[in-house]
């Protein structure tokens, strides 16, 4: 590039560092699991409060 008086292209790469460890709870799958746990807890509470009857 210098002999031909051409432009020198530079390449930059930005890397973002995190101050914390990414866990499953931080992902979309983790959010889905948390939502399912909340639904199951609500179902359990309804069963314990007598709103839902056991199947016979």
PDB file of N, CA and C in Angstrom:
ATOM      1  N   UNK A   1       0.822  -1.182   0.000  1.00  0.00           N
ATOM      2  CA  UNK A   1       0.000   0.000   0.000  1.00  0.00           C
ATOM      3  C   UNK A   1       0.868   1.248   0.000  1.00  0.00           C
ATOM      4  N   UNK A   2       1.991   1.227   0.717  1.00  0.00           N
ATOM      5  CA  UNK A   2       2.839   2.411   0.762  1.00  0.00           C
ATOM      6  C   UNK A   2       3.545   2.648  -0.565  1.00  0.00           C
ATOM      7  N   UNK A   3       4.027   1.601  -1.226  1.00  0.00           N
ATOM      8  CA  UNK A   3       4.719   1.748  -2.505  1.00  0.00           C
ATOM      9  C   UNK A   3       3.786   2.282  -3.576  1.00  0.00           C
ATOM     10  N   UNK A   4       2.526   1.906  -3.497  1.00  0.00           N
ATOM     11  CA  UNK A   4       1.555   2.328  -4.500  1.00  0.00           C
ATOM     12  C   UNK A   4       0.817   3.590  -4.079  1.00  0.00           C
ATOM     13  N   UNK A   5       1.240   4.187  -2.967  1.00  0.00           N
ATOM     14  CA  UNK A   5       0.619   5.399  -2.420  1.00  0.00           C
ATOM     15  C   UNK A   5      -0.882   5.187  -2.177  1.00  0.00           C
ATOM     16  N   UNK A   6      -1.220   3.987  -1.743  1.00  0.00           N
ATOM     17  CA  UNK A   6      -2.621   3.679  -1.473  1.00  0.00           C
ATOM     18  C   UNK A   6      -2.965   3.916  -0.013  1.00  0.00           C
ATOM     19  N   UNK A   7      -4.219   3.863   0.244  1.00  0.00           N
ATOM     20  CA  UNK A   7      -4.692   4.044   1.619  1.00  0.00           C
ATOM     21  C   UNK A   7      -4.415   2.786   2.432  1.00  0.00           C
ATOM     22  N   UNK A   8      -4.119   2.992   3.687  1.00  0.00           N
ATOM     23  CA  UNK A   8      -3.946   1.885   4.616  1.00  0.00           C
ATOM     24  C   UNK A   8      -5.247   1.748   5.398  1.00  0.00           C
ATOM     25  N   UNK A   9      -5.826   0.593   5.296  1.00  0.00           N
ATOM     26  CA  UNK A   9      -7.082   0.358   6.002  1.00  0.00           C
ATOM     27  C   UNK A   9      -6.785  -0.223   7.375  1.00  0.00           C
ATOM     28  N   UNK A  10      -7.438   0.326   8.368  1.00  0.00           N
ATOM     29  CA  UNK A  10      -7.285  -0.222   9.713  1.00  0.00           C
ATOM     30  C   UNK A  10      -8.608  -0.857  10.132  1.00  0.00           C
ATOM     31  N   UNK A  11      -8.486  -1.870  10.929  1.00  0.00           N
ATOM     32  CA  UNK A  11      -9.669  -2.572  11.420  1.00  0.00           C
ATOM     33  C   UNK A  11      -9.660  -2.483  12.934  1.00  0.00           C
ATOM     34  N   UNK A  12     -10.772  -2.021  13.485  1.00  0.00           N
ATOM     35  CA  UNK A  12     -10.914  -1.924  14.939  1.00  0.00           C
ATOM     36  C   UNK A  12     -12.031  -2.852  15.383  1.00  0.00           C
ATOM     37  N   UNK A  13     -11.844  -3.451  16.523  1.00  0.00           N
ATOM     38  CA  UNK A  13     -12.866  -4.322  17.086  1.00  0.00           C
ATOM     39  C   UNK A  13     -13.080  -3.908  18.531  1.00  0.00           C
ATOM     40  N   UNK A  14     -14.329  -3.623  18.868  1.00  0.00           N
ATOM     41  CA  UNK A  14     -14.668  -3.222  20.224  1.00  0.00           C
ATOM     42  C   UNK A  14     -15.191  -4.437  20.975  1.00  0.00           C
ATOM     43  N   UNK A  15     -14.670  -4.651  22.141  1.00  0.00           N
ATOM     44  CA  UNK A  15     -15.092  -5.769  22.982  1.00  0.00           C
ATOM     45  C   UNK A  15     -15.699  -5.192  24.250  1.00  0.00           C
ATOM     46  N   UNK A  16     -16.918  -5.633  24.544  1.00  0.00           N
ATOM     47  CA  UNK A  16     -17.602  -5.156  25.746  1.00  0.00           C
ATOM     48  C   UNK A  16     -17.364  -6.157  26.869  1.00  0.00           C
ATOM     49  N   UNK A  17     -16.862  -5.675  27.973  1.00  0.00           N
ATOM     50  CA  UNK A  17     -16.606  -6.530  29.127  1.00  0.00           C
ATOM     51  C   UNK A  17     -17.750  -6.395  30.122  1.00  0.00           C
ATOM     52  N   UNK A  18     -18.108  -7.497  30.740  1.00  0.00           N
ATOM     53  CA  UNK A  18     -19.160  -7.486  31.740  1.00  0.00           C
ATOM     54  C   UNK A  18     -18.534  -7.568  33.124  1.00  0.00           C
ATOM     55  N   UNK A  19     -19.175  -6.914  34.073  1.00  0.00           N
ATOM     56  CA  UNK A  19     -18.699  -6.949  35.453  1.00  0.00           C
ATOM     57  C   UNK A  19     -19.296  -8.117  36.233  1.00  0.00           C
ATOM     58  N   UNK A  20     -20.132  -8.894  35.585  1.00  0.00           N
ATOM     59  CA  UNK A  20     -20.782 -10.004  36.278  1.00  0.00           C
ATOM     60  C   UNK A  20     -20.820 -11.222  35.359  1.00  0.00           C
ATOM     61  N   UNK A  21     -21.013 -12.368  35.955  1.00  0.00           N
ATOM     62  CA  UNK A  21     -21.099 -13.618  35.197  1.00  0.00           C
ATOM     63  C   UNK A  21     -22.525 -13.784  34.676  1.00  0.00           C
ATOM     64  N   UNK A  22     -22.664 -14.089  33.408  1.00  0.00           N
ATOM     65  CA  UNK A  22     -23.974 -14.332  32.827  1.00  0.00           C
ATOM     66  C   UNK A  22     -24.457 -15.714  33.263  1.00  0.00           C
ATOM     67  N   UNK A  23     -25.662 -15.756  33.788  1.00  0.00           N
ATOM     68  CA  UNK A  23     -26.246 -17.017  34.239  1.00  0.00           C
ATOM     69  C   UNK A  23     -27.448 -17.364  33.365  1.00  0.00           C
ATOM     70  N   UNK A  24     -27.985 -18.543  33.554  1.00  0.00           N
ATOM     71  CA  UNK A  24     -29.158 -18.969  32.790  1.00  0.00           C
ATOM     72  C   UNK A  24     -30.308 -17.991  33.012  1.00  0.00           C
ATOM     73  N   UNK A  25     -30.429 -17.478  34.225  1.00  0.00           N
ATOM     74  CA  UNK A  25     -31.497 -16.539  34.533  1.00  0.00           C
ATOM     75  C   UNK A  25     -31.433 -15.255  33.730  1.00  0.00           C
ATOM     76  N   UNK A  26     -30.280 -14.949  33.171  1.00  0.00           N
ATOM     77  CA  UNK A  26     -30.108 -13.742  32.364  1.00  0.00           C
ATOM     78  C   UNK A  26     -30.494 -13.959  30.902  1.00  0.00           C
ATOM     79  N   UNK A  27     -30.812 -15.176  30.519  1.00  0.00           N
ATOM     80  CA  UNK A  27     -31.107 -15.493  29.124  1.00  0.00           C
ATOM     81  C   UNK A  27     -32.610 -15.581  28.890  1.00  0.00           C
ATOM     82  N   UNK A  28     -33.006 -15.658  27.621  1.00  0.00           N
ATOM     83  CA  UNK A  28     -34.424 -15.828  27.288  1.00  0.00           C
ATOM     84  C   UNK A  28     -34.955 -17.147  27.830  1.00  0.00           C
ATOM     85  N   UNK A  29     -34.140 -18.190  27.751  1.00  0.00           N
ATOM     86  CA  UNK A  29     -34.560 -19.493  28.286  1.00  0.00           C
ATOM     87  C   UNK A  29     -34.768 -19.396  29.793  1.00  0.00           C
ATOM     88  N   UNK A  30     -33.908 -18.665  30.480  1.00  0.00           N
ATOM     89  CA  UNK A  30     -34.043 -18.486  31.921  1.00  0.00           C
ATOM     90  C   UNK A  30     -35.315 -17.747  32.277  1.00  0.00           C
ATOM     91  N   UNK A  31     -35.669 -16.733  31.474  1.00  0.00           N
ATOM     92  CA  UNK A  31     -36.906 -15.997  31.725  1.00  0.00           C
ATOM     93  C   UNK A  31     -38.105 -16.920  31.544  1.00  0.00           C
ATOM     94  N   UNK A  32     -38.053 -17.770  30.529  1.00  0.00           N
ATOM     95  CA  UNK A  32     -39.151 -18.719  30.300  1.00  0.00           C
ATOM     96  C   UNK A  32     -39.278 -19.686  31.477  1.00  0.00           C
ATOM     97  N   UNK A  33     -38.157 -20.132  32.007  1.00  0.00           N
ATOM     98  CA  UNK A  33     -38.178 -21.041  33.162  1.00  0.00           C
ATOM     99  C   UNK A  33     -38.751 -20.329  34.383  1.00  0.00           C
ATOM    100  N   UNK A  34     -38.341 -19.081  34.611  1.00  0.00           N
ATOM    101  CA  UNK A  34     -38.876 -18.311  35.743  1.00  0.00           C
ATOM    102  C   UNK A  34     -40.385 -18.129  35.609  1.00  0.00           C
ATOM    103  N   UNK A  35     -40.859 -17.832  34.389  1.00  0.00           N
ATOM    104  CA  UNK A  35     -42.298 -17.670  34.164  1.00  0.00           C
ATOM    105  C   UNK A  35     -43.046 -18.968  34.451  1.00  0.00           C
ATOM    106  N   UNK A  36     -42.469 -20.088  34.034  1.00  0.00           N
ATOM    107  CA  UNK A  36     -43.106 -21.385  34.283  1.00  0.00           C
ATOM    108  C   UNK A  36     -43.148 -21.693  35.781  1.00  0.00           C
ATOM    109  N   UNK A  37     -42.089 -21.351  36.503  1.00  0.00           N
ATOM    110  CA  UNK A  37     -42.062 -21.558  37.957  1.00  0.00           C
ATOM    111  C   UNK A  37     -43.146 -20.723  38.628  1.00  0.00           C
ATOM    112  N   UNK A  38     -43.315 -19.475  38.179  1.00  0.00           N
ATOM    113  CA  UNK A  38     -44.364 -18.625  38.745  1.00  0.00           C
ATOM    114  C   UNK A  38     -45.743 -19.235  38.501  1.00  0.00           C
ATOM    115  N   UNK A  39     -45.962 -19.747  37.280  1.00  0.00           N
ATOM    116  CA  UNK A  39     -47.248 -20.386  36.966  1.00  0.00           C
ATOM    117  C   UNK A  39     -47.479 -21.613  37.840  1.00  0.00           C
ATOM    118  N   UNK A  40     -46.442 -22.422  38.023  1.00  0.00           N
ATOM    119  CA  UNK A  40     -46.574 -23.622  38.855  1.00  0.00           C
ATOM    120  C   UNK A  40     -46.823 -23.259  40.316  1.00  0.00           C
ATOM    121  N   UNK A  41     -46.182 -22.205  40.804  1.00  0.00           N
ATOM    122  CA  UNK A  41     -46.422 -21.757  42.183  1.00  0.00           C
ATOM    123  C   UNK A  41     -47.858 -21.270  42.353  1.00  0.00           C
ATOM    124  N   UNK A  42     -48.392 -20.573  41.343  1.00  0.00           N
ATOM    125  CA  UNK A  42     -49.783 -20.119  41.404  1.00  0.00           C
ATOM    126  C   UNK A  42     -50.729 -21.320  41.394  1.00  0.00           C
ATOM    127  N   UNK A  43     -50.408 -22.321  40.596  1.00  0.00           N
ATOM    128  CA  UNK A  43     -51.218 -23.539  40.546  1.00  0.00           C
ATOM    129  C   UNK A  43     -51.184 -24.271  41.881  1.00  0.00           C
ATOM    130  N   UNK A  44     -50.017 -24.358  42.490  1.00  0.00           N
ATOM    131  CA  UNK A  44     -49.873 -25.004  43.791  1.00  0.00           C
ATOM    132  C   UNK A  44     -50.651 -24.248  44.867  1.00  0.00           C
ATOM    133  N   UNK A  45     -50.582 -22.920  44.830  1.00  0.00           N
ATOM    134  CA  UNK A  45     -51.319 -22.112  45.804  1.00  0.00           C
ATOM    135  C   UNK A  45     -52.821 -22.326  45.640  1.00  0.00           C
ATOM    136  N   UNK A  46     -53.296 -22.393  44.403  1.00  0.00           N
ATOM    137  CA  UNK A  46     -54.722 -22.631  44.161  1.00  0.00           C
ATOM    138  C   UNK A  46     -55.130 -23.998  44.693  1.00  0.00           C
ATOM    139  N   UNK A  47     -54.288 -24.989  44.512  1.00  0.00           N
ATOM    140  CA  UNK A  47     -54.572 -26.338  45.026  1.00  0.00           C
ATOM    141  C   UNK A  47     -54.592 -26.329  46.551  1.00  0.00           C
ATOM    142  N   UNK A  48     -53.591 -25.695  47.167  1.00  0.00           N
ATOM    143  CA  UNK A  48     -53.507 -25.653  48.634  1.00  0.00           C
ATOM    144  C   UNK A  48     -54.656 -24.869  49.255  1.00  0.00           C
ATOM    145  N   UNK A  49     -55.197 -23.884  48.537  1.00  0.00           N
ATOM    146  CA  UNK A  49     -56.304 -23.079  49.052  1.00  0.00           C
ATOM    147  C   UNK A  49     -57.667 -23.691  48.741  1.00  0.00           C
ATOM    148  N   UNK A  50     -57.678 -24.853  48.099  1.00  0.00           N
ATOM    149  CA  UNK A  50     -58.933 -25.529  47.811  1.00  0.00           C
ATOM    150  C   UNK A  50     -59.639 -25.048  46.562  1.00  0.00           C
ATOM    151  N   UNK A  51     -59.029 -24.145  45.823  1.00  0.00           N
ATOM    152  CA  UNK A  51     -59.645 -23.661  44.591  1.00  0.00           C
ATOM    153  C   UNK A  51     -59.660 -24.774  43.548  1.00  0.00           C
ATOM    154  N   UNK A  52     -58.610 -25.572  43.517  1.00  0.00           N
ATOM    155  CA  UNK A  52     -58.529 -26.729  42.621  1.00  0.00           C
ATOM    156  C   UNK A  52     -58.700 -28.002  43.434  1.00  0.00           C
ATOM    157  N   UNK A  53     -59.464 -28.912  42.900  1.00  0.00           N
ATOM    158  CA  UNK A  53     -59.674 -30.197  43.566  1.00  0.00           C
ATOM    159  C   UNK A  53     -58.802 -31.251  42.883  1.00  0.00           C
ATOM    160  N   UNK A  54     -58.305 -32.230  43.639  1.00  0.00           N
ATOM    161  CA  UNK A  54     -57.507 -33.298  43.017  1.00  0.00           C
ATOM    162  C   UNK A  54     -58.368 -34.147  42.088  1.00  0.00           C
ATOM    163  N   UNK A  55     -57.747 -34.672  41.049  1.00  0.00           N
ATOM    164  CA  UNK A  55     -58.451 -35.570  40.129  1.00  0.00           C
ATOM    165  C   UNK A  55     -58.708 -36.904  40.820  1.00  0.00           C
ATOM    166  N   UNK A  56     -59.830 -37.498  40.481  1.00  0.00           N
ATOM    167  CA  UNK A  56     -60.168 -38.793  41.080  1.00  0.00           C
ATOM    168  C   UNK A  56     -60.110 -39.891  40.061  1.00  0.00           C
TER     169      UNK A  56
END
